[in-house]
Protein backbone atom coordinates (compact mmCIF):
# COMPACT_ATOMS: atom_id res chain seq x y z
CA MET A 1 -26.18 -182.74 33.68
CA LYS A 2 -22.68 -184.24 34.14
CA LYS A 3 -21.68 -185.05 37.50
CA SER A 4 -18.03 -185.43 38.58
CA VAL A 5 -16.71 -188.55 40.16
CA LEU A 6 -15.19 -188.70 43.53
CA LYS A 7 -12.08 -190.80 43.85
CA MET A 8 -12.02 -193.73 46.00
CA ASN A 9 -10.10 -192.65 48.76
CA ASN A 10 -12.21 -189.48 49.18
CA GLU A 11 -15.54 -191.07 49.59
CA TYR A 12 -15.78 -190.15 53.26
CA LYS A 13 -13.52 -188.11 55.48
CA THR A 14 -13.62 -187.36 59.28
CA VAL A 15 -14.91 -184.21 60.65
CA ALA A 16 -11.42 -183.74 61.90
CA GLN A 17 -10.15 -183.69 58.19
CA SER A 18 -12.57 -180.40 57.67
CA GLU A 19 -11.68 -178.42 60.62
CA ILE A 20 -10.21 -175.02 60.31
CA GLN A 21 -9.27 -172.11 62.74
CA MET A 22 -8.61 -168.50 61.89
CA SER A 23 -7.85 -165.83 63.97
CA GLN A 24 -7.79 -162.20 63.56
CA LEU A 25 -7.18 -158.73 65.45
CA MET A 26 -10.25 -156.31 65.45
CA LEU A 27 -9.04 -152.85 64.65
CA PRO A 28 -10.66 -149.25 64.89
CA THR A 29 -11.43 -149.63 61.08
CA HIS A 30 -13.64 -152.58 61.99
CA ALA A 31 -15.97 -150.65 64.46
CA ASN A 32 -19.12 -148.95 64.31
CA PHE A 33 -19.65 -145.67 66.15
CA GLY A 34 -20.16 -147.51 69.43
CA GLY A 35 -16.87 -148.71 69.51
CA LYS A 36 -18.03 -152.27 68.89
CA ILE A 37 -17.02 -154.58 65.66
CA HIS A 38 -19.58 -154.11 62.88
CA GLY A 39 -21.64 -157.34 62.88
CA GLY A 40 -21.29 -157.04 59.00
CA TYR A 41 -17.56 -157.66 59.29
CA ILE A 42 -17.98 -160.72 61.57
CA LEU A 43 -20.38 -162.20 58.63
CA TYR A 44 -17.75 -161.44 56.15
CA LEU A 45 -15.15 -163.36 57.91
CA LEU A 46 -17.75 -166.02 58.76
CA ASP A 47 -18.58 -166.37 55.05
CA GLN A 48 -14.50 -166.70 54.33
CA ILE A 49 -14.10 -169.56 56.88
CA ALA A 50 -17.22 -171.47 55.91
CA PHE A 51 -15.73 -171.29 52.27
CA ALA A 52 -12.42 -172.49 53.36
CA CYS A 53 -13.77 -175.29 55.49
CA ALA A 54 -16.26 -176.71 52.88
CA SER A 55 -13.73 -176.49 50.13
CA LYS A 56 -11.38 -178.29 52.38
CA HIS A 57 -13.73 -181.10 52.63
CA SER A 58 -14.87 -181.34 49.34
CA GLY A 59 -11.84 -180.50 47.32
CA GLN A 60 -13.71 -178.33 45.11
CA TYR A 61 -14.91 -174.66 44.87
CA CYS A 62 -18.11 -173.98 47.26
CA VAL A 63 -20.59 -171.31 46.93
CA THR A 64 -22.93 -170.02 50.01
CA ALA A 65 -26.26 -171.39 49.60
CA SER A 66 -27.62 -170.11 52.95
CA VAL A 67 -26.81 -168.52 56.19
CA ASP A 68 -29.05 -170.71 58.39
CA ILE A 69 -28.38 -169.26 61.91
CA VAL A 70 -26.07 -166.53 63.15
CA ASP A 71 -26.34 -165.82 66.72
CA PHE A 72 -24.41 -162.58 68.05
CA LEU A 73 -24.25 -163.56 71.87
CA THR A 74 -21.93 -160.60 73.15
CA PRO A 75 -20.27 -157.75 71.35
CA VAL A 76 -16.66 -157.85 69.98
CA GLU A 77 -14.35 -155.04 71.16
CA VAL A 78 -11.73 -153.09 69.31
CA GLY A 79 -8.38 -154.79 70.31
CA ASN A 80 -10.05 -158.25 70.81
CA LEU A 81 -8.36 -161.27 69.00
CA ILE A 82 -11.12 -163.16 67.60
CA THR A 83 -10.91 -167.03 66.94
CA MET A 84 -13.16 -168.84 64.46
CA LYS A 85 -13.19 -172.28 64.65
CA ALA A 86 -15.37 -174.08 61.91
CA SER A 87 -16.14 -177.99 60.96
CA VAL A 88 -18.24 -179.67 58.53
CA ASN A 89 -21.35 -180.78 60.58
CA TYR A 90 -23.52 -182.30 58.02
CA VAL A 91 -23.01 -183.44 54.39
CA GLY A 92 -25.65 -183.88 51.77
CA ASN A 93 -25.11 -184.74 48.07
CA SER A 94 -23.64 -181.45 47.20
CA SER A 95 -24.21 -179.44 50.23
CA MET A 96 -22.57 -179.25 53.64
CA ILE A 97 -23.53 -177.51 56.69
CA VAL A 98 -20.70 -175.70 58.31
CA GLY A 99 -20.52 -174.88 62.03
CA ILE A 100 -18.48 -172.13 63.25
CA ARG A 101 -17.90 -170.84 66.73
CA VAL A 102 -16.45 -167.55 67.38
CA GLU A 103 -14.32 -166.51 70.47
CA ALA A 104 -13.15 -163.03 71.44
CA GLU A 105 -9.96 -162.88 73.53
CA ASN A 106 -9.02 -159.69 75.19
CA VAL A 107 -5.20 -159.89 74.55
CA ARG A 108 -4.45 -157.72 77.73
CA THR A 109 -6.26 -159.76 80.18
CA GLY A 110 -6.50 -163.08 78.53
CA GLU A 111 -10.04 -163.17 79.00
CA VAL A 112 -12.15 -165.32 76.37
CA LYS A 113 -15.95 -165.14 75.62
CA HIS A 114 -17.91 -167.00 73.40
CA CYS A 115 -19.34 -164.36 71.02
CA ASN A 116 -20.78 -165.87 68.16
CA SER A 117 -22.29 -169.10 66.70
CA SER A 118 -23.28 -169.63 63.07
CA TYR A 119 -24.18 -172.38 60.62
CA PHE A 120 -23.64 -171.91 56.95
CA THR A 121 -25.01 -173.98 53.97
CA MET A 122 -22.12 -174.39 51.28
CA VAL A 123 -22.52 -176.20 48.01
CA ALA A 124 -19.78 -177.57 46.15
CA LYS A 125 -19.41 -176.67 42.34
CA GLY A 126 -17.34 -178.54 39.96
CA ASP A 127 -15.07 -176.96 36.97
CA ASP A 128 -18.13 -176.75 34.84
CA GLY A 129 -20.23 -174.70 37.45
CA GLU A 130 -22.50 -177.53 38.42
CA LYS A 131 -23.25 -179.18 41.58
CA ILE A 132 -20.78 -182.01 42.47
CA THR A 133 -21.15 -184.90 44.99
CA VAL A 134 -19.02 -184.22 48.35
CA PRO A 135 -17.23 -187.06 50.55
CA GLY A 136 -19.82 -188.31 53.17
CA LEU A 137 -18.92 -187.92 56.99
CA ILE A 138 -17.03 -190.29 59.33
CA LEU A 139 -18.67 -189.70 62.64
CA LYS A 140 -16.49 -190.71 65.44
CA ASN A 141 -18.35 -189.37 68.70
CA LYS A 142 -21.34 -188.24 70.23
CA THR A 143 -20.85 -184.56 69.59
CA GLU A 144 -20.34 -185.32 65.97
CA ILE A 145 -23.52 -187.48 65.51
CA CYS A 146 -25.50 -184.91 67.50
CA ARG A 147 -24.31 -182.27 65.01
CA PHE A 148 -25.08 -184.12 61.87
CA LEU A 149 -28.64 -185.04 63.19
CA ASN A 150 -29.16 -181.39 64.34
CA GLY A 151 -28.08 -180.52 60.52
CA ALA A 152 -30.52 -183.07 58.97
CA LYS A 153 -33.41 -181.53 61.42
CA SER A 154 -32.45 -178.06 60.58
CA LEU A 155 -32.75 -178.85 56.59
CA ASN A 156 -35.97 -180.60 57.30
CA MET A 157 -37.33 -177.71 59.19
CA LYS A 158 -36.30 -175.31 56.25
CA ALA A 159 -37.90 -177.35 53.81
CA GLU A 160 -41.13 -177.16 55.67
CA ARG A 161 -40.68 -173.10 56.42
CA GLY A 162 -40.57 -173.05 52.50
CA ARG A 163 -43.88 -174.64 52.16
CA ALA A 164 -45.65 -172.36 54.56
CA ASN A 165 -49.25 -172.45 53.93
CA CYS A 166 -50.58 -168.84 53.26
CA ASP A 167 -54.10 -169.95 52.98
CA VAL A 168 -55.82 -167.45 55.47
CA ASP A 169 -59.62 -167.20 55.88
CA ILE A 170 -60.20 -163.70 56.09
CA VAL A 171 -64.06 -164.09 55.84
CA ASN A 172 -64.40 -165.92 59.19
CA GLY A 173 -61.52 -164.24 61.17
CA GLY A 174 -59.71 -167.64 62.24
CA TYR A 175 -56.45 -165.80 61.80
CA LYS A 176 -57.33 -163.44 64.72
CA GLU A 177 -57.09 -166.13 67.32
CA ASP A 178 -53.79 -167.40 66.11
CA LEU A 179 -52.33 -163.79 66.13
CA LYS A 180 -53.71 -162.81 69.56
CA ASP A 181 -50.49 -163.04 71.53
CA TYR A 182 -48.74 -161.02 69.05
CA ARG A 183 -48.12 -157.16 68.82
CA VAL A 184 -50.40 -156.80 65.34
CA LYS A 185 -53.57 -154.65 64.53
CA PHE A 186 -55.82 -155.32 61.58
CA GLU A 187 -56.72 -152.77 59.14
CA LEU A 188 -58.28 -154.98 56.34
CA SER A 189 -59.59 -153.34 53.15
């Protein structure tokens, strides 16, 4: 597998060099029957800004590997101006975690509310479609260090989740104690 080589001046970039901001007015065509903006439409916009941010950092085409966390905190109304702010929080070899904050502004009153936070894992691809090494990050303050460490922790937890042990002892019923606080009923055959 051939790896593309980074230029010397792109070995490391600051978080600020990847930051991107996008605003869009929410129209009735983006709304559900309750008059709120579809979560799926917000996800579509989040994916666009994650792509732009990761591509800006890596200088390469990027693909979405996973959507790690999407917290819908408050609904977005028709007529709100949403502003999405994204930056690369963590870099691996070819992957980047892009953190995105979404704020909705009532354009009539000026009230701004934080309505969404999300984290997308993006992977840089070279012209041959293979993964490509991305520039490292220059961390300049406590917030950037904290975000990087949280990204590393998130990836470690994701790796552990992928190794979930499903060796359940059905005969002795030990699983019943583990599940006693959950809303489950057992009807094993």
